[in-house]
């Protein structure tokens, strides 16, 4: 339980306001035991604000903040069958070798199959 509290306390949430409303949000946390690595939870852009560069702007601002805090590696895992995987991979390839600070490492993961019965974990 203490470890869970430690992780939750380290989770940062970044919000991108638009003209009087929220347009995007992203979460990230530092990995316990590896201060140079942060995990990007995800970048979410509200449907009415997509396609305008809001996700890119929030991702870049978040990356800059983390680099200023000493992060040299930013990792993200995305479902191998979902579109965000290609979005993260494009950002990873564009941030390599340009002196951007934290390198983005993207890992494809297989989504868990949906639960087909109503049993709950204990």
N, C-alpha and C. Protein backbone atom coordinates (compact mmCIF):
# COMPACT_ATOMS: atom_id res chain seq x y z
N UNK A 1 0.82 -1.19 0.00
CA UNK A 1 0.00 0.00 0.00
C UNK A 1 0.86 1.26 0.00
N UNK A 2 1.94 1.26 0.78
CA UNK A 2 2.83 2.43 0.82
C UNK A 2 3.44 2.68 -0.55
N UNK A 3 3.79 1.60 -1.25
CA UNK A 3 4.37 1.75 -2.59
C UNK A 3 3.35 2.38 -3.55
N UNK A 4 2.09 1.97 -3.43
CA UNK A 4 1.04 2.56 -4.27
C UNK A 4 0.91 4.04 -3.98
N UNK A 5 0.92 4.42 -2.71
CA UNK A 5 0.83 5.84 -2.35
C UNK A 5 2.01 6.62 -2.91
N UNK A 6 3.20 6.01 -2.84
CA UNK A 6 4.40 6.68 -3.35
C UNK A 6 4.24 6.95 -4.84
N UNK A 7 3.75 5.97 -5.59
CA UNK A 7 3.58 6.13 -7.04
C UNK A 7 2.52 7.18 -7.35
N UNK A 8 1.39 7.11 -6.65
CA UNK A 8 0.32 8.07 -6.89
C UNK A 8 0.77 9.48 -6.55
N UNK A 9 1.53 9.63 -5.48
CA UNK A 9 2.02 10.96 -5.09
C UNK A 9 2.96 11.53 -6.14
N UNK A 10 3.63 10.65 -6.89
CA UNK A 10 4.58 11.11 -7.89
C UNK A 10 3.94 11.35 -9.25
N UNK A 11 2.67 11.00 -9.40
CA UNK A 11 1.98 11.19 -10.67
C UNK A 11 1.71 12.67 -10.91
N UNK A 12 2.10 13.14 -12.06
CA UNK A 12 1.83 14.53 -12.42
C UNK A 12 0.75 14.57 -13.49
N UNK A 13 -0.11 15.53 -13.40
CA UNK A 13 -1.16 15.72 -14.40
C UNK A 13 -0.98 17.10 -15.00
N UNK A 14 -0.91 17.17 -16.32
CA UNK A 14 -0.75 18.43 -17.02
C UNK A 14 -2.01 18.68 -17.83
N UNK A 15 -2.52 19.89 -17.73
CA UNK A 15 -3.74 20.26 -18.43
C UNK A 15 -3.44 21.38 -19.42
N UNK A 16 -4.08 21.33 -20.57
CA UNK A 16 -3.90 22.37 -21.58
C UNK A 16 -5.21 23.12 -21.75
N UNK A 17 -5.29 24.33 -21.24
CA UNK A 17 -6.53 25.10 -21.38
C UNK A 17 -6.63 25.73 -22.76
N UNK A 18 -7.85 25.84 -23.23
CA UNK A 18 -8.11 26.54 -24.49
C UNK A 18 -8.77 27.86 -24.16
N UNK A 19 -9.62 28.32 -25.01
CA UNK A 19 -10.35 29.57 -24.78
C UNK A 19 -11.45 29.33 -23.75
N UNK A 20 -11.08 29.30 -22.49
CA UNK A 20 -12.04 29.10 -21.42
C UNK A 20 -12.45 27.67 -21.17
N UNK A 21 -11.79 26.71 -21.81
CA UNK A 21 -12.12 25.31 -21.57
C UNK A 21 -10.88 24.44 -21.72
N UNK A 22 -10.94 23.25 -21.20
CA UNK A 22 -9.84 22.28 -21.28
C UNK A 22 -9.81 21.67 -22.67
N UNK A 23 -8.62 21.58 -23.27
CA UNK A 23 -8.52 20.96 -24.59
C UNK A 23 -7.73 19.65 -24.56
N UNK A 24 -6.82 19.50 -23.57
CA UNK A 24 -6.00 18.28 -23.53
C UNK A 24 -5.47 18.06 -22.13
N UNK A 25 -5.08 16.81 -21.87
CA UNK A 25 -4.49 16.45 -20.58
C UNK A 25 -3.47 15.34 -20.80
N UNK A 26 -2.47 15.29 -19.95
CA UNK A 26 -1.46 14.23 -20.01
C UNK A 26 -1.02 13.91 -18.59
N UNK A 27 -0.63 12.68 -18.37
CA UNK A 27 -0.13 12.27 -17.08
C UNK A 27 1.22 11.60 -17.23
N UNK A 28 2.06 11.77 -16.22
CA UNK A 28 3.38 11.13 -16.23
C UNK A 28 3.84 10.96 -14.79
N UNK A 29 4.69 9.98 -14.56
CA UNK A 29 5.27 9.81 -13.24
C UNK A 29 6.70 9.30 -13.36
N UNK A 30 7.51 9.64 -12.38
CA UNK A 30 8.90 9.18 -12.31
C UNK A 30 8.90 7.75 -11.81
N UNK A 31 9.75 6.92 -12.35
CA UNK A 31 9.82 5.54 -11.91
C UNK A 31 10.62 5.45 -10.61
N UNK A 32 10.04 4.83 -9.59
CA UNK A 32 10.78 4.66 -8.33
C UNK A 32 12.07 3.89 -8.58
N UNK A 33 13.14 4.36 -8.03
CA UNK A 33 14.43 3.70 -8.20
C UNK A 33 15.18 4.07 -9.47
N UNK A 34 14.58 4.86 -10.35
CA UNK A 34 15.23 5.27 -11.59
C UNK A 34 14.86 6.73 -11.86
N UNK A 35 15.51 7.68 -11.17
CA UNK A 35 15.12 9.09 -11.28
C UNK A 35 15.26 9.69 -12.67
N UNK A 36 16.01 9.06 -13.55
CA UNK A 36 16.17 9.59 -14.89
C UNK A 36 15.10 9.14 -15.87
N UNK A 37 14.17 8.30 -15.39
CA UNK A 37 13.13 7.76 -16.27
C UNK A 37 11.76 8.17 -15.77
N UNK A 38 10.92 8.58 -16.71
CA UNK A 38 9.52 8.89 -16.40
C UNK A 38 8.64 8.08 -17.34
N UNK A 39 7.47 7.73 -16.87
CA UNK A 39 6.50 7.02 -17.71
C UNK A 39 5.38 7.97 -18.08
N UNK A 40 5.15 8.11 -19.36
CA UNK A 40 4.04 8.90 -19.87
C UNK A 40 2.81 8.02 -19.82
N UNK A 41 1.81 8.44 -19.07
CA UNK A 41 0.59 7.66 -18.97
C UNK A 41 -0.19 7.74 -20.28
N UNK A 42 -0.42 8.91 -20.75
CA UNK A 42 -1.07 9.11 -22.03
C UNK A 42 -1.26 10.60 -22.28
N UNK A 43 -1.52 10.93 -23.53
CA UNK A 43 -1.88 12.29 -23.91
C UNK A 43 -3.29 12.19 -24.47
N UNK A 44 -4.22 12.88 -23.84
CA UNK A 44 -5.62 12.87 -24.29
C UNK A 44 -6.01 14.26 -24.76
N UNK A 45 -6.61 14.32 -25.94
CA UNK A 45 -7.13 15.59 -26.46
C UNK A 45 -8.63 15.41 -26.63
N UNK A 46 -9.38 16.36 -26.11
CA UNK A 46 -10.84 16.27 -26.23
C UNK A 46 -11.25 16.29 -27.70
N UNK A 47 -12.29 15.54 -28.05
CA UNK A 47 -12.68 15.40 -29.46
C UNK A 47 -12.81 16.71 -30.23
N UNK A 48 -13.41 17.73 -29.66
CA UNK A 48 -13.59 18.99 -30.38
C UNK A 48 -12.32 19.79 -30.58
N UNK A 49 -11.21 19.33 -29.96
CA UNK A 49 -9.95 20.06 -30.04
C UNK A 49 -8.87 19.29 -30.79
N UNK A 50 -9.22 18.18 -31.38
CA UNK A 50 -8.24 17.35 -32.10
C UNK A 50 -7.91 17.93 -33.47
N UNK A 51 -6.73 17.56 -33.95
CA UNK A 51 -6.31 17.97 -35.28
C UNK A 51 -5.79 19.39 -35.36
N UNK A 52 -5.51 20.01 -34.22
CA UNK A 52 -5.04 21.40 -34.20
C UNK A 52 -3.66 21.54 -33.56
N UNK A 53 -3.01 20.42 -33.30
CA UNK A 53 -1.67 20.48 -32.69
C UNK A 53 -1.67 20.55 -31.18
N UNK A 54 -2.84 20.43 -30.54
CA UNK A 54 -2.89 20.51 -29.09
C UNK A 54 -2.14 19.37 -28.40
N UNK A 55 -2.28 18.16 -28.93
CA UNK A 55 -1.55 17.02 -28.36
C UNK A 55 -0.05 17.19 -28.50
N UNK A 56 0.39 17.63 -29.67
CA UNK A 56 1.82 17.88 -29.90
C UNK A 56 2.36 18.94 -28.95
N UNK A 57 1.61 20.02 -28.80
CA UNK A 57 2.06 21.11 -27.93
C UNK A 57 2.13 20.67 -26.48
N UNK A 58 1.13 19.92 -26.02
CA UNK A 58 1.15 19.45 -24.64
C UNK A 58 2.27 18.44 -24.43
N UNK A 59 2.45 17.51 -25.36
CA UNK A 59 3.53 16.54 -25.25
C UNK A 59 4.88 17.24 -25.17
N UNK A 60 5.12 18.20 -26.02
CA UNK A 60 6.41 18.90 -26.03
C UNK A 60 6.62 19.69 -24.75
N UNK A 61 5.59 20.35 -24.26
CA UNK A 61 5.71 21.10 -23.00
C UNK A 61 6.00 20.16 -21.84
N UNK A 62 5.30 19.04 -21.79
CA UNK A 62 5.52 18.04 -20.75
C UNK A 62 6.94 17.49 -20.82
N UNK A 63 7.41 17.18 -22.02
CA UNK A 63 8.77 16.67 -22.20
C UNK A 63 9.80 17.67 -21.70
N UNK A 64 9.60 18.95 -22.03
CA UNK A 64 10.53 19.99 -21.57
C UNK A 64 10.57 20.10 -20.05
N UNK A 65 9.40 20.03 -19.40
CA UNK A 65 9.34 20.09 -17.93
C UNK A 65 10.10 18.92 -17.33
N UNK A 66 9.86 17.72 -17.87
CA UNK A 66 10.53 16.54 -17.34
C UNK A 66 12.04 16.59 -17.55
N UNK A 67 12.48 17.07 -18.70
CA UNK A 67 13.91 17.21 -18.96
C UNK A 67 14.52 18.20 -17.96
N UNK A 68 13.84 19.29 -17.69
CA UNK A 68 14.34 20.27 -16.72
C UNK A 68 14.45 19.67 -15.32
N UNK A 69 13.63 18.64 -15.05
CA UNK A 69 13.68 17.96 -13.75
C UNK A 69 14.67 16.80 -13.73
N UNK A 70 15.41 16.61 -14.83
CA UNK A 70 16.45 15.58 -14.86
C UNK A 70 16.09 14.28 -15.55
N UNK A 71 14.94 14.22 -16.20
CA UNK A 71 14.55 13.01 -16.91
C UNK A 71 15.32 12.93 -18.23
N UNK A 72 15.90 11.76 -18.49
CA UNK A 72 16.63 11.53 -19.74
C UNK A 72 15.95 10.48 -20.60
N UNK A 73 14.97 9.77 -20.03
CA UNK A 73 14.25 8.74 -20.79
C UNK A 73 12.78 8.81 -20.42
N UNK A 74 11.95 8.90 -21.42
CA UNK A 74 10.50 8.95 -21.25
C UNK A 74 9.94 7.72 -21.94
N UNK A 75 9.20 6.88 -21.22
CA UNK A 75 8.68 5.65 -21.79
C UNK A 75 7.16 5.68 -21.82
N UNK A 76 6.60 5.00 -22.81
CA UNK A 76 5.15 4.88 -22.94
C UNK A 76 4.85 3.51 -23.53
N UNK A 77 3.78 2.90 -23.07
CA UNK A 77 3.30 1.64 -23.64
C UNK A 77 1.93 1.91 -24.23
N UNK A 78 1.72 1.42 -25.44
CA UNK A 78 0.43 1.63 -26.11
C UNK A 78 -0.05 0.32 -26.72
N UNK A 79 -1.34 0.14 -26.75
CA UNK A 79 -1.96 -1.05 -27.31
C UNK A 79 -1.52 -1.22 -28.76
N UNK A 80 -1.05 -2.41 -29.10
CA UNK A 80 -0.52 -2.65 -30.45
C UNK A 80 -1.58 -2.53 -31.54
N UNK A 81 -2.84 -2.60 -31.18
CA UNK A 81 -3.92 -2.53 -32.18
C UNK A 81 -4.66 -1.20 -32.17
N UNK A 82 -4.10 -0.19 -31.54
CA UNK A 82 -4.82 1.08 -31.41
C UNK A 82 -3.99 2.20 -32.03
N UNK A 83 -4.65 3.24 -32.52
CA UNK A 83 -3.98 4.32 -33.24
C UNK A 83 -2.96 5.09 -32.40
N UNK A 84 -3.09 5.25 -31.08
CA UNK A 84 -2.08 6.04 -30.36
C UNK A 84 -0.66 5.49 -30.51
N UNK A 85 -0.52 4.20 -30.77
CA UNK A 85 0.82 3.62 -30.93
C UNK A 85 1.58 4.34 -32.05
N UNK A 86 0.94 4.56 -33.19
CA UNK A 86 1.64 5.24 -34.29
C UNK A 86 1.90 6.71 -33.95
N UNK A 87 0.99 7.35 -33.20
CA UNK A 87 1.20 8.75 -32.79
C UNK A 87 2.43 8.85 -31.91
N UNK A 88 2.56 7.97 -30.92
CA UNK A 88 3.73 7.99 -30.03
C UNK A 88 5.00 7.64 -30.81
N UNK A 89 4.92 6.68 -31.72
CA UNK A 89 6.12 6.30 -32.49
C UNK A 89 6.61 7.46 -33.36
N UNK A 90 5.70 8.23 -33.95
CA UNK A 90 6.14 9.39 -34.74
C UNK A 90 6.87 10.40 -33.87
N UNK A 91 6.40 10.62 -32.66
CA UNK A 91 7.08 11.55 -31.75
C UNK A 91 8.42 11.00 -31.29
N UNK A 92 8.52 9.69 -31.14
CA UNK A 92 9.78 9.07 -30.74
C UNK A 92 10.82 9.24 -31.84
N UNK A 93 10.43 9.01 -33.09
CA UNK A 93 11.41 9.11 -34.17
C UNK A 93 11.80 10.56 -34.43
N UNK A 94 10.91 11.51 -34.19
CA UNK A 94 11.25 12.91 -34.44
C UNK A 94 12.08 13.50 -33.31
N UNK A 95 12.14 12.84 -32.13
CA UNK A 95 12.90 13.42 -31.02
C UNK A 95 14.30 12.84 -30.90
N UNK A 96 14.64 11.88 -31.74
CA UNK A 96 15.97 11.26 -31.65
C UNK A 96 17.02 12.11 -32.34
N UNK A 97 18.14 12.27 -31.68
CA UNK A 97 19.29 12.90 -32.30
C UNK A 97 19.17 14.39 -32.55
N UNK A 98 18.24 15.05 -31.89
CA UNK A 98 18.10 16.48 -32.13
C UNK A 98 18.40 17.28 -30.87
N UNK A 99 19.03 16.64 -29.89
CA UNK A 99 19.37 17.34 -28.66
C UNK A 99 18.16 17.74 -27.86
N UNK A 100 17.10 16.95 -27.96
CA UNK A 100 15.85 17.32 -27.31
C UNK A 100 15.81 16.98 -25.83
N UNK A 101 16.81 16.30 -25.32
CA UNK A 101 16.81 15.95 -23.90
C UNK A 101 16.37 14.54 -23.66
N UNK A 102 15.12 14.31 -23.34
CA UNK A 102 14.62 12.98 -23.02
C UNK A 102 14.22 12.24 -24.28
N UNK A 103 14.79 11.07 -24.48
CA UNK A 103 14.40 10.23 -25.60
C UNK A 103 13.11 9.51 -25.25
N UNK A 104 12.19 9.42 -26.20
CA UNK A 104 10.92 8.73 -26.00
C UNK A 104 11.08 7.30 -26.46
N UNK A 105 10.77 6.35 -25.58
CA UNK A 105 10.79 4.94 -25.95
C UNK A 105 9.37 4.43 -25.92
N UNK A 106 8.94 3.85 -27.04
CA UNK A 106 7.57 3.38 -27.19
C UNK A 106 7.57 1.86 -27.24
N UNK A 107 6.65 1.26 -26.49
CA UNK A 107 6.54 -0.20 -26.47
C UNK A 107 5.10 -0.57 -26.80
N UNK A 108 4.93 -1.46 -27.76
CA UNK A 108 3.60 -1.96 -28.10
C UNK A 108 3.24 -3.08 -27.13
N UNK A 109 2.03 -3.04 -26.62
CA UNK A 109 1.57 -4.08 -25.71
C UNK A 109 0.27 -4.67 -26.25
N UNK A 110 0.06 -5.93 -25.94
CA UNK A 110 -1.17 -6.60 -26.33
C UNK A 110 -2.22 -6.33 -25.27
N UNK A 111 -3.37 -5.85 -25.69
CA UNK A 111 -4.44 -5.54 -24.74
C UNK A 111 -4.97 -6.83 -24.12
N UNK A 112 -5.34 -6.76 -22.86
CA UNK A 112 -5.97 -7.90 -22.21
C UNK A 112 -7.33 -8.15 -22.85
N UNK A 113 -7.69 -9.42 -23.04
CA UNK A 113 -9.03 -9.67 -23.60
C UNK A 113 -10.08 -9.22 -22.60
N UNK A 114 -11.21 -8.77 -23.08
CA UNK A 114 -12.26 -8.32 -22.16
C UNK A 114 -12.77 -9.48 -21.32
N UNK A 115 -13.15 -9.17 -20.11
CA UNK A 115 -13.70 -10.16 -19.20
C UNK A 115 -15.09 -10.55 -19.70
N UNK A 116 -15.34 -11.84 -19.84
CA UNK A 116 -16.63 -12.27 -20.39
C UNK A 116 -17.62 -12.73 -19.32
N UNK A 117 -17.19 -12.73 -18.07
CA UNK A 117 -18.14 -13.08 -17.02
C UNK A 117 -18.13 -11.98 -15.97
N UNK A 118 -18.97 -12.11 -14.98
CA UNK A 118 -19.07 -11.03 -14.00
C UNK A 118 -18.33 -11.33 -12.71
N UNK A 119 -17.33 -12.22 -12.77
CA UNK A 119 -16.50 -12.45 -11.58
C UNK A 119 -15.59 -11.25 -11.36
N UNK A 120 -15.34 -10.94 -10.14
CA UNK A 120 -14.48 -9.82 -9.78
C UNK A 120 -13.21 -10.34 -9.14
N UNK A 121 -12.12 -9.61 -9.31
CA UNK A 121 -10.88 -9.96 -8.61
C UNK A 121 -11.12 -9.80 -7.12
N UNK A 122 -10.54 -10.69 -6.30
CA UNK A 122 -10.74 -10.56 -4.84
C UNK A 122 -10.13 -9.31 -4.28
